[in-house]
Amino acid sequence: VWVLTLIFVGLLLGWYACFIFLVSRLRERLLHPQIQCRIKAVTGFLL
């Protein structure tokens, strides 16, 4: 169980490292309050 969990978590961290890197690069262009408002609204609706 622990070996499989370590593999799972390792893959999860690797995927999200790439994901967060791309999102952080995109964020630099999205700090306008109106854009932040839309991001909050869209992600809130998805949740």
All heavy atoms as atom14 arrays in JSON, in Angstrom:
{
  "sequence": "VWVLTLIFVGLLLGWYACFIFLVSRLRERLLHPQIQCRIKAVTGFLL",
  "atom14_mask": [
    [1, 1, 1, 1, 1, 1, 1, 0, 0, 0, 0, 0, 0, 0],
    [1, 1, 1, 1, 1, 1, 1, 1, 1, 1, 1, 1, 1, 1],
    [1, 1, 1, 1, 1, 1, 1, 0, 0, 0, 0, 0, 0, 0],
    [1, 1, 1, 1, 1, 1, 1, 1, 0, 0, 0, 0, 0, 0],
    [1, 1, 1, 1, 1, 1, 1, 0, 0, 0, 0, 0, 0, 0],
    [1, 1, 1, 1, 1, 1, 1, 1, 0, 0, 0, 0, 0, 0],
    [1, 1, 1, 1, 1, 1, 1, 1, 0, 0, 0, 0, 0, 0],
    [1, 1, 1, 1, 1, 1, 1, 1, 1, 1, 1, 0, 0, 0],
    [1, 1, 1, 1, 1, 1, 1, 0, 0, 0, 0, 0, 0, 0],
    [1, 1, 1, 1, 0, 0, 0, 0, 0, 0, 0, 0, 0, 0],
    [1, 1, 1, 1, 1, 1, 1, 1, 0, 0, 0, 0, 0, 0],
    [1, 1, 1, 1, 1, 1, 1, 1, 0, 0, 0, 0, 0, 0],
    [1, 1, 1, 1, 1, 1, 1, 1, 0, 0, 0, 0, 0, 0],
    [1, 1, 1, 1, 0, 0, 0, 0, 0, 0, 0, 0, 0, 0],
    [1, 1, 1, 1, 1, 1, 1, 1, 1, 1, 1, 1, 1, 1],
    [1, 1, 1, 1, 1, 1, 1, 1, 1, 1, 1, 1, 0, 0],
    [1, 1, 1, 1, 1, 0, 0, 0, 0, 0, 0, 0, 0, 0],
    [1, 1, 1, 1, 1, 1, 0, 0, 0, 0, 0, 0, 0, 0],
    [1, 1, 1, 1, 1, 1, 1, 1, 1, 1, 1, 0, 0, 0],
    [1, 1, 1, 1, 1, 1, 1, 1, 0, 0, 0, 0, 0, 0],
    [1, 1, 1, 1, 1, 1, 1, 1, 1, 1, 1, 0, 0, 0],
    [1, 1, 1, 1, 1, 1, 1, 1, 0, 0, 0, 0, 0, 0],
    [1, 1, 1, 1, 1, 1, 1, 0, 0, 0, 0, 0, 0, 0],
    [1, 1, 1, 1, 1, 1, 0, 0, 0, 0, 0, 0, 0, 0],
    [1, 1, 1, 1, 1, 1, 1, 1, 1, 1, 1, 0, 0, 0],
    [1, 1, 1, 1, 1, 1, 1, 1, 0, 0, 0, 0, 0, 0],
    [1, 1, 1, 1, 1, 1, 1, 1, 1, 1, 1, 0, 0, 0],
    [1, 1, 1, 1, 1, 1, 1, 1, 1, 0, 0, 0, 0, 0],
    [1, 1, 1, 1, 1, 1, 1, 1, 1, 1, 1, 0, 0, 0],
    [1, 1, 1, 1, 1, 1, 1, 1, 0, 0, 0, 0, 0, 0],
    [1, 1, 1, 1, 1, 1, 1, 1, 0, 0, 0, 0, 0, 0],
    [1, 1, 1, 1, 1, 1, 1, 1, 1, 1, 0, 0, 0, 0],
    [1, 1, 1, 1, 1, 1, 1, 0, 0, 0, 0, 0, 0, 0],
    [1, 1, 1, 1, 1, 1, 1, 1, 1, 0, 0, 0, 0, 0],
    [1, 1, 1, 1, 1, 1, 1, 1, 0, 0, 0, 0, 0, 0],
    [1, 1, 1, 1, 1, 1, 1, 1, 1, 0, 0, 0, 0, 0],
    [1, 1, 1, 1, 1, 1, 0, 0, 0, 0, 0, 0, 0, 0],
    [1, 1, 1, 1, 1, 1, 1, 1, 1, 1, 1, 0, 0, 0],
    [1, 1, 1, 1, 1, 1, 1, 1, 0, 0, 0, 0, 0, 0],
    [1, 1, 1, 1, 1, 1, 1, 1, 1, 0, 0, 0, 0, 0],
    [1, 1, 1, 1, 1, 0, 0, 0, 0, 0, 0, 0, 0, 0],
    [1, 1, 1, 1, 1, 1, 1, 0, 0, 0, 0, 0, 0, 0],
    [1, 1, 1, 1, 1, 1, 1, 0, 0, 0, 0, 0, 0, 0],
    [1, 1, 1, 1, 0, 0, 0, 0, 0, 0, 0, 0, 0, 0],
    [1, 1, 1, 1, 1, 1, 1, 1, 1, 1, 1, 0, 0, 0],
    [1, 1, 1, 1, 1, 1, 1, 1, 0, 0, 0, 0, 0, 0],
    [1, 1, 1, 1, 1, 1, 1, 1, 0, 0, 0, 0, 0, 0]
  ],
  "atom14_positions": [
    [[0.84, -1.21, 0.0], [0.0, 0.0, 0.0], [0.87, 1.25, 0.0], [0.63, 2.2, -0.76], [-0.95, 0.0, 1.21], [-1.6, 1.38, 1.39], [-2.03, -1.06, 1.04], [0.0, 0.0, 0.0], [0.0, 0.0, 0.0], [0.0, 0.0, 0.0], [0.0, 0.0, 0.0], [0.0, 0.0, 0.0], [0.0, 0.0, 0.0], [0.0, 0.0, 0.0]],
    [[1.91, 1.26, 0.84], [2.76, 2.43, 0.93], [3.59, 2.65, -0.34], [3.79, 3.78, -0.77], [3.67, 2.32, 2.15], [2.96, 2.69, 3.41], [2.44, 1.84, 4.34], [2.64, 4.01, 3.88], [1.84, 2.54, 5.36], [1.94, 3.87, 5.1], [2.88, 5.28, 3.38], [1.48, 4.96, 5.83], [2.41, 6.38, 4.11], [1.72, 6.22, 5.32]],
    [[4.06, 1.56, -0.94], [4.82, 1.69, -2.19], [3.94, 2.25, -3.29], [4.34, 3.19, -4.02], [5.42, 0.33, -2.61], [6.0, 0.42, -4.02], [6.5, -0.1, -1.64], [0.0, 0.0, 0.0], [0.0, 0.0, 0.0], [0.0, 0.0, 0.0], [0.0, 0.0, 0.0], [0.0, 0.0, 0.0], [0.0, 0.0, 0.0], [0.0, 0.0, 0.0]],
    [[2.74, 1.72, -3.43], [1.82, 2.21, -4.45], [1.42, 3.66, -4.19], [1.27, 4.47, -5.12], [0.57, 1.32, -4.51], [0.78, -0.1, -5.04], [-0.5, -0.92, -4.92], [1.26, -0.08, -6.48], [0.0, 0.0, 0.0], [0.0, 0.0, 0.0], [0.0, 0.0, 0.0], [0.0, 0.0, 0.0], [0.0, 0.0, 0.0], [0.0, 0.0, 0.0]],
    [[1.25, 4.0, -2.9], [0.91, 5.39, -2.55], [2.06, 6.32, -2.9], [1.84, 7.43, -3.42], [0.59, 5.51, -1.05], [-0.49, 4.62, -0.74], [0.18, 6.93, -0.69], [0.0, 0.0, 0.0], [0.0, 0.0, 0.0], [0.0, 0.0, 0.0], [0.0, 0.0, 0.0], [0.0, 0.0, 0.0], [0.0, 0.0, 0.0], [0.0, 0.0, 0.0]],
    [[3.3, 5.91, -2.62], [4.45, 6.74, -2.97], [4.54, 6.97, -4.47], [4.85, 8.08, -4.93], [5.74, 6.08, -2.45], [5.99, 6.16, -0.95], [7.17, 5.28, -0.55], [6.24, 7.61, -0.52], [0.0, 0.0, 0.0], [0.0, 0.0, 0.0], [0.0, 0.0, 0.0], [0.0, 0.0, 0.0], [0.0, 0.0, 0.0], [0.0, 0.0, 0.0]],
    [[4.27, 5.93, -5.25], [4.27, 6.08, -6.71], [3.16, 7.05, -7.12], [3.39, 7.95, -7.95], [4.08, 4.71, -7.4], [5.27, 3.81, -7.11], [3.9, 4.89, -8.9], [5.08, 2.38, -7.61], [0.0, 0.0, 0.0], [0.0, 0.0, 0.0], [0.0, 0.0, 0.0], [0.0, 0.0, 0.0], [0.0, 0.0, 0.0], [0.0, 0.0, 0.0]],
    [[1.98, 6.87, -6.54], [0.85, 7.74, -6.86], [1.17, 9.19, -6.54], [0.97, 10.08, -7.38], [-0.38, 7.28, -6.07], [-1.66, 7.98, -6.46], [-2.58, 7.35, -7.27], [-1.94, 9.27, -6.02], [-3.76, 7.99, -7.63], [-3.1, 9.92, -6.37], [-4.02, 9.27, -7.19], [0.0, 0.0, 0.0], [0.0, 0.0, 0.0], [0.0, 0.0, 0.0]],
    [[1.67, 9.43, -5.33], [1.97, 10.8, -4.91], [3.11, 11.39, -5.74], [3.09, 12.57, -6.09], [2.3, 10.84, -3.4], [2.83, 12.21, -2.99], [1.07, 10.48, -2.58], [0.0, 0.0, 0.0], [0.0, 0.0, 0.0], [0.0, 0.0, 0.0], [0.0, 0.0, 0.0], [0.0, 0.0, 0.0], [0.0, 0.0, 0.0], [0.0, 0.0, 0.0]],
    [[4.11, 10.58, -6.08], [5.2, 11.07, -6.91], [4.71, 11.53, -8.27], [5.11, 12.6, -8.77], [0.0, 0.0, 0.0], [0.0, 0.0, 0.0], [0.0, 0.0, 0.0], [0.0, 0.0, 0.0], [0.0, 0.0, 0.0], [0.0, 0.0, 0.0], [0.0, 0.0, 0.0], [0.0, 0.0, 0.0], [0.0, 0.0, 0.0], [0.0, 0.0, 0.0]],
    [[3.82, 10.75, -8.89], [3.25, 11.14, -10.17], [2.37, 12.38, -10.02], [2.37, 13.27, -10.88], [2.43, 9.98, -10.74], [3.22, 8.73, -11.15], [2.28, 7.57, -11.48], [4.13, 9.04, -12.34], [0.0, 0.0, 0.0], [0.0, 0.0, 0.0], [0.0, 0.0, 0.0], [0.0, 0.0, 0.0], [0.0, 0.0, 0.0], [0.0, 0.0, 0.0]],
    [[1.62, 12.43, -8.92], [0.76, 13.59, -8.66], [1.58, 14.86, -8.53], [1.25, 15.9, -9.12], [-0.06, 13.33, -7.4], [-1.05, 14.42, -6.97], [-2.33, 13.8, -6.43], [-0.45, 15.32, -5.89], [0.0, 0.0, 0.0], [0.0, 0.0, 0.0], [0.0, 0.0, 0.0], [0.0, 0.0, 0.0], [0.0, 0.0, 0.0], [0.0, 0.0, 0.0]],
    [[2.68, 14.8, -7.76], [3.53, 15.97, -7.57], [4.19, 16.39, -8.89], [4.32, 17.58, -9.18], [4.58, 15.69, -6.51], [4.07, 15.49, -5.08], [5.23, 15.14, -4.14], [3.34, 16.72, -4.58], [0.0, 0.0, 0.0], [0.0, 0.0, 0.0], [0.0, 0.0, 0.0], [0.0, 0.0, 0.0], [0.0, 0.0, 0.0], [0.0, 0.0, 0.0]],
    [[4.6, 15.4, -9.69], [5.22, 15.72, -10.97], [4.26, 16.42, -11.91], [4.61, 17.41, -12.56], [0.0, 0.0, 0.0], [0.0, 0.0, 0.0], [0.0, 0.0, 0.0], [0.0, 0.0, 0.0], [0.0, 0.0, 0.0], [0.0, 0.0, 0.0], [0.0, 0.0, 0.0], [0.0, 0.0, 0.0], [0.0, 0.0, 0.0], [0.0, 0.0, 0.0]],
    [[3.02, 15.91, -11.97], [2.02, 16.53, -12.84], [1.69, 17.95, -12.39], [1.67, 18.88, -13.19], [0.75, 15.68, -12.85], [-0.48, 16.43, -13.29], [-1.53, 16.8, -12.51], [-0.78, 16.93, -14.6], [-2.46, 17.49, -13.24], [-2.03, 17.59, -14.53], [-0.11, 16.89, -15.82], [-2.62, 18.19, -15.63], [-0.71, 17.49, -16.93], [-1.95, 18.13, -16.83]],
    [[1.46, 18.12, -11.09], [1.08, 19.44, -10.61], [2.24, 20.43, -10.64], [2.02, 21.64, -10.72], [0.49, 19.35, -9.2], [-0.98, 19.0, -9.21], [-1.43, 17.77, -8.74], [-1.92, 19.9, -9.7], [-2.78, 17.44, -8.77], [-3.26, 19.58, -9.73], [-3.68, 18.36, -9.25], [-5.03, 18.04, -9.29], [0.0, 0.0, 0.0], [0.0, 0.0, 0.0]],
    [[3.48, 19.95, -10.59], [4.63, 20.85, -10.75], [4.59, 21.5, -12.13], [4.78, 22.72, -12.27], [5.93, 20.09, -10.54], [0.0, 0.0, 0.0], [0.0, 0.0, 0.0], [0.0, 0.0, 0.0], [0.0, 0.0, 0.0], [0.0, 0.0, 0.0], [0.0, 0.0, 0.0], [0.0, 0.0, 0.0], [0.0, 0.0, 0.0], [0.0, 0.0, 0.0]],
    [[4.33, 20.69, -13.15], [4.21, 21.22, -14.52], [2.99, 22.12, -14.64], [3.05, 23.2, -15.25], [4.12, 20.07, -15.52], [5.55, 18.99, -15.57], [0.0, 0.0, 0.0], [0.0, 0.0, 0.0], [0.0, 0.0, 0.0], [0.0, 0.0, 0.0], [0.0, 0.0, 0.0], [0.0, 0.0, 0.0], [0.0, 0.0, 0.0], [0.0, 0.0, 0.0]],
    [[1.88, 21.7, -14.03], [0.63, 22.44, -14.1], [0.79, 23.82, -13.45], [0.39, 24.85, -14.03], [-0.47, 21.64, -13.4], [-1.84, 22.23, -13.51], [-2.54, 22.17, -14.69], [-2.45, 22.83, -12.41], [-3.82, 22.69, -14.79], [-3.71, 23.36, -12.49], [-4.41, 23.29, -13.69], [0.0, 0.0, 0.0], [0.0, 0.0, 0.0], [0.0, 0.0, 0.0]],
    [[1.38, 23.85, -12.26], [1.55, 25.12, -11.54], [2.53, 26.03, -12.27], [2.35, 27.25, -12.31], [2.01, 24.85, -10.1], [0.89, 24.17, -9.3], [2.43, 26.14, -9.4], [1.31, 23.7, -7.93], [0.0, 0.0, 0.0], [0.0, 0.0, 0.0], [0.0, 0.0, 0.0], [0.0, 0.0, 0.0], [0.0, 0.0, 0.0], [0.0, 0.0, 0.0]],
    [[3.56, 25.45, -12.87], [4.52, 26.26, -13.63], [3.81, 26.99, -14.78], [4.01, 28.2, -14.98], [5.63, 25.37, -14.18], [6.57, 26.09, -15.12], [7.54, 26.94, -14.63], [6.47, 25.9, -16.49], [8.4, 27.62, -15.49], [7.31, 26.57, -17.36], [8.29, 27.43, -16.86], [0.0, 0.0, 0.0], [0.0, 0.0, 0.0], [0.0, 0.0, 0.0]],
    [[2.97, 26.28, -15.51], [2.26, 26.9, -16.63], [1.26, 27.94, -16.13], [1.14, 29.02, -16.71], [1.52, 25.82, -17.43], [2.41, 24.81, -18.17], [1.56, 23.72, -18.82], [3.26, 25.52, -19.22], [0.0, 0.0, 0.0], [0.0, 0.0, 0.0], [0.0, 0.0, 0.0], [0.0, 0.0, 0.0], [0.0, 0.0, 0.0], [0.0, 0.0, 0.0]],
    [[0.57, 27.62, -15.04], [-0.41, 28.56, -14.49], [0.27, 29.82, -13.98], [-0.22, 30.94, -14.18], [-1.22, 27.89, -13.36], [-2.06, 28.92, -12.6], [-2.13, 26.81, -13.93], [0.0, 0.0, 0.0], [0.0, 0.0, 0.0], [0.0, 0.0, 0.0], [0.0, 0.0, 0.0], [0.0, 0.0, 0.0], [0.0, 0.0, 0.0], [0.0, 0.0, 0.0]],
    [[1.43, 29.68, -13.33], [2.14, 30.84, -12.8], [2.64, 31.75, -13.91], [2.68, 32.97, -13.75], [3.3, 30.4, -11.91], [4.27, 29.68, -12.66], [0.0, 0.0, 0.0], [0.0, 0.0, 0.0], [0.0, 0.0, 0.0], [0.0, 0.0, 0.0], [0.0, 0.0, 0.0], [0.0, 0.0, 0.0], [0.0, 0.0, 0.0], [0.0, 0.0, 0.0]],
    [[3.02, 31.15, -15.04], [3.44, 31.97, -16.17], [2.27, 32.75, -16.74], [2.41, 33.91, -17.15], [4.05, 31.08, -17.27], [5.33, 30.37, -16.86], [6.46, 31.36, -16.65], [6.81, 32.07, -17.86], [7.71, 31.64, -18.75], [8.34, 30.49, -18.55], [7.97, 32.36, -19.82], [0.0, 0.0, 0.0], [0.0, 0.0, 0.0], [0.0, 0.0, 0.0]],
    [[1.1, 32.12, -16.73], [-0.1, 32.77, -17.25], [-0.61, 33.85, -16.3], [-1.16, 34.87, -16.74], [-1.18, 31.7, -17.48], [-2.5, 32.15, -18.1], [-2.28, 32.72, -19.49], [-3.48, 30.98, -18.14], [0.0, 0.0, 0.0], [0.0, 0.0, 0.0], [0.0, 0.0, 0.0], [0.0, 0.0, 0.0], [0.0, 0.0, 0.0], [0.0, 0.0, 0.0]],
    [[-0.41, 33.64, -15.0], [-0.95, 34.55, -13.99], [-0.43, 35.98, -14.14], [-1.14, 36.94, -13.83], [-0.61, 34.02, -12.6], [-1.11, 34.92, -11.45], [-0.77, 34.32, -10.1], [-1.3, 35.13, -9.03], [-0.59, 36.05, -8.37], [0.69, 36.26, -8.69], [-1.15, 36.76, -7.41], [0.0, 0.0, 0.0], [0.0, 0.0, 0.0], [0.0, 0.0, 0.0]],
    [[0.8, 36.13, -14.6], [1.41, 37.45, -14.72], [0.59, 38.38, -15.6], [0.67, 39.6, -15.46], [2.82, 37.31, -15.29], [3.77, 36.49, -14.4], [5.1, 36.24, -15.08], [5.28, 36.72, -16.22], [5.96, 35.57, -14.48], [0.0, 0.0, 0.0], [0.0, 0.0, 0.0], [0.0, 0.0, 0.0], [0.0, 0.0, 0.0], [0.0, 0.0, 0.0]],
    [[-0.21, 37.82, -16.49], [-1.01, 38.63, -17.4], [-2.46, 38.77, -16.92], [-3.27, 39.38, -17.61], [-1.0, 38.0, -18.79], [0.39, 37.87, -19.39], [0.34, 37.13, -20.72], [1.65, 37.06, -21.33], [2.56, 36.15, -21.07], [2.31, 35.22, -20.16], [3.73, 36.13, -21.69], [0.0, 0.0, 0.0], [0.0, 0.0, 0.0], [0.0, 0.0, 0.0]],
    [[-2.76, 38.2, -15.74], [-4.16, 38.12, -15.32], [-4.43, 38.76, -13.96], [-5.35, 38.35, -13.25], [-4.61, 36.65, -15.28], [-4.5, 35.88, -16.6], [-4.89, 34.42, -16.38], [-5.38, 36.5, -17.67], [0.0, 0.0, 0.0], [0.0, 0.0, 0.0], [0.0, 0.0, 0.0], [0.0, 0.0, 0.0], [0.0, 0.0, 0.0], [0.0, 0.0, 0.0]],
    [[-3.62, 39.75, -13.59], [-3.79, 40.38, -12.27], [-4.76, 41.55, -12.27], [-4.97, 42.17, -11.24], [-2.42, 40.83, -11.74], [-1.48, 39.71, -11.29], [-0.15, 40.28, -10.81], [-2.12, 38.86, -10.2], [0.0, 0.0, 0.0], [0.0, 0.0, 0.0], [0.0, 0.0, 0.0], [0.0, 0.0, 0.0], [0.0, 0.0, 0.0], [0.0, 0.0, 0.0]],
    [[-5.35, 41.85, -13.4], [-6.36, 42.91, -13.45], [-7.57, 42.48, -12.62], [-8.02, 41.33, -12.7], [-6.78, 43.17, -14.9], [-7.6, 44.41, -15.07], [-8.9, 44.49, -14.64], [-7.29, 45.6, -15.63], [-9.38, 45.69, -14.93], [-8.42, 46.38, -15.53], [0.0, 0.0, 0.0], [0.0, 0.0, 0.0], [0.0, 0.0, 0.0], [0.0, 0.0, 0.0]],
    [[-8.12, 43.36, -11.76], [-9.25, 42.98, -10.9], [-10.43, 42.37, -11.65], [-11.05, 41.43, -11.15], [-9.64, 44.31, -10.24], [-8.39, 45.11, -10.24], [-7.66, 44.74, -11.5], [0.0, 0.0, 0.0], [0.0, 0.0, 0.0], [0.0, 0.0, 0.0], [0.0, 0.0, 0.0], [0.0, 0.0, 0.0], [0.0, 0.0, 0.0], [0.0, 0.0, 0.0]],
    [[-10.75, 42.89, -12.83], [-11.88, 42.34, -13.57], [-11.61, 40.91, -14.02], [-12.5, 40.05, -14.0], [-12.2, 43.22, -14.78], [-12.75, 44.59, -14.4], [-13.1, 45.42, -15.63], [-12.85, 45.01, -16.75], [-13.68, 46.59, -15.4], [0.0, 0.0, 0.0], [0.0, 0.0, 0.0], [0.0, 0.0, 0.0], [0.0, 0.0, 0.0], [0.0, 0.0, 0.0]],
    [[-10.37, 40.63, -14.41], [-10.01, 39.27, -14.82], [-10.02, 38.35, -13.62], [-10.49, 37.21, -13.68], [-8.63, 39.27, -15.51], [-8.68, 40.12, -16.78], [-8.19, 37.84, -15.84], [-7.35, 40.23, -17.5], [0.0, 0.0, 0.0], [0.0, 0.0, 0.0], [0.0, 0.0, 0.0], [0.0, 0.0, 0.0], [0.0, 0.0, 0.0], [0.0, 0.0, 0.0]],
    [[-9.48, 38.82, -12.48], [-9.5, 38.02, -11.25], [-10.93, 37.69, -10.84], [-11.23, 36.59, -10.39], [-8.8, 38.79, -10.13], [-7.31, 39.01, -10.35], [-6.51, 37.77, -10.01], [-6.51, 37.32, -8.88], [-5.83, 37.23, -11.0], [0.0, 0.0, 0.0], [0.0, 0.0, 0.0], [0.0, 0.0, 0.0], [0.0, 0.0, 0.0], [0.0, 0.0, 0.0]],
    [[-11.82, 38.66, -11.03], [-13.23, 38.45, -10.7], [-13.81, 37.34, -11.56], [-14.52, 36.45, -11.06], [-14.0, 39.76, -10.92], [-15.78, 39.61, -10.68], [0.0, 0.0, 0.0], [0.0, 0.0, 0.0], [0.0, 0.0, 0.0], [0.0, 0.0, 0.0], [0.0, 0.0, 0.0], [0.0, 0.0, 0.0], [0.0, 0.0, 0.0], [0.0, 0.0, 0.0]],
    [[-13.5, 37.35, -12.85], [-14.02, 36.31, -13.75], [-13.44, 34.94, -13.42], [-14.15, 33.93, -13.48], [-13.69, 36.69, -15.2], [-14.49, 37.89, -15.7], [-13.99, 38.35, -17.03], [-14.62, 39.62, -17.41], [-14.07, 40.51, -18.21], [-12.86, 40.28, -18.7], [-14.7, 41.63, -18.53], [0.0, 0.0, 0.0], [0.0, 0.0, 0.0], [0.0, 0.0, 0.0]],
    [[-12.17, 34.9, -13.06], [-11.55, 33.63, -12.69], [-12.24, 33.05, -11.47], [-12.57, 31.86, -11.41], [-10.05, 33.82, -12.42], [-9.31, 34.17, -13.72], [-9.44, 32.56, -11.8], [-7.87, 34.57, -13.51], [0.0, 0.0, 0.0], [0.0, 0.0, 0.0], [0.0, 0.0, 0.0], [0.0, 0.0, 0.0], [0.0, 0.0, 0.0], [0.0, 0.0, 0.0]],
    [[-12.45, 33.9, -10.46], [-13.14, 33.45, -9.24], [-14.55, 32.95, -9.56], [-15.0, 31.93, -9.03], [-13.22, 34.6, -8.24], [-11.95, 34.84, -7.45], [-11.84, 33.85, -6.32], [-10.76, 34.2, -5.34], [-10.68, 33.24, -4.22], [0.0, 0.0, 0.0], [0.0, 0.0, 0.0], [0.0, 0.0, 0.0], [0.0, 0.0, 0.0], [0.0, 0.0, 0.0]],
    [[-15.25, 33.7, -10.43], [-16.62, 33.34, -10.76], [-16.67, 32.02, -11.51], [-17.49, 31.13, -11.2], [-17.26, 34.45, -11.59], [0.0, 0.0, 0.0], [0.0, 0.0, 0.0], [0.0, 0.0, 0.0], [0.0, 0.0, 0.0], [0.0, 0.0, 0.0], [0.0, 0.0, 0.0], [0.0, 0.0, 0.0], [0.0, 0.0, 0.0], [0.0, 0.0, 0.0]],
    [[-15.82, 31.84, -12.51], [-15.83, 30.62, -13.33], [-15.43, 29.41, -12.5], [-16.09, 28.36, -12.53], [-14.9, 30.77, -14.55], [-14.72, 29.45, -15.26], [-15.46, 31.81, -15.51], [0.0, 0.0, 0.0], [0.0, 0.0, 0.0], [0.0, 0.0, 0.0], [0.0, 0.0, 0.0], [0.0, 0.0, 0.0], [0.0, 0.0, 0.0], [0.0, 0.0, 0.0]],
    [[-14.33, 29.53, -11.72], [-13.9, 28.39, -10.92], [-14.89, 28.09, -9.8], [-15.09, 26.93, -9.43], [-12.5, 28.63, -10.33], [-12.47, 29.9, -9.64], [-11.45, 28.66, -11.43], [0.0, 0.0, 0.0], [0.0, 0.0, 0.0], [0.0, 0.0, 0.0], [0.0, 0.0, 0.0], [0.0, 0.0, 0.0], [0.0, 0.0, 0.0], [0.0, 0.0, 0.0]],
    [[-15.51, 29.14, -9.26], [-16.54, 28.92, -8.25], [-17.73, 28.16, -8.83], [-18.28, 27.25, -8.19], [0.0, 0.0, 0.0], [0.0, 0.0, 0.0], [0.0, 0.0, 0.0], [0.0, 0.0, 0.0], [0.0, 0.0, 0.0], [0.0, 0.0, 0.0], [0.0, 0.0, 0.0], [0.0, 0.0, 0.0], [0.0, 0.0, 0.0], [0.0, 0.0, 0.0]],
    [[-18.11, 28.52, -10.05], [-19.21, 27.82, -10.71], [-18.84, 26.36, -10.98], [-19.66, 25.46, -10.79], [-19.56, 28.52, -12.03], [-20.63, 27.82, -12.83], [-21.95, 27.89, -12.45], [-20.29, 27.09, -13.96], [-22.94, 27.23, -13.17], [-21.26, 26.42, -14.69], [-22.59, 26.49, -14.31], [0.0, 0.0, 0.0], [0.0, 0.0, 0.0], [0.0, 0.0, 0.0]],
    [[-17.6, 26.11, -11.41], [-17.15, 24.74, -11.65], [-17.18, 23.91, -10.38], [-17.6, 22.74, -10.38], [-15.75, 24.74, -12.25], [-15.62, 25.27, -13.68], [-14.15, 25.33, -14.09], [-16.4, 24.39, -14.65], [0.0, 0.0, 0.0], [0.0, 0.0, 0.0], [0.0, 0.0, 0.0], [0.0, 0.0, 0.0], [0.0, 0.0, 0.0], [0.0, 0.0, 0.0]],
    [[-16.75, 24.51, -9.26], [-16.8, 23.8, -7.98], [-18.25, 23.51, -7.57], [-18.55, 22.45, -7.01], [-16.11, 24.61, -6.9], [-14.58, 24.7, -6.98], [-14.04, 25.72, -5.99], [-13.96, 23.33, -6.72], [0.0, 0.0, 0.0], [0.0, 0.0, 0.0], [0.0, 0.0, 0.0], [0.0, 0.0, 0.0], [0.0, 0.0, 0.0], [0.0, 0.0, 0.0]]
  ]
}
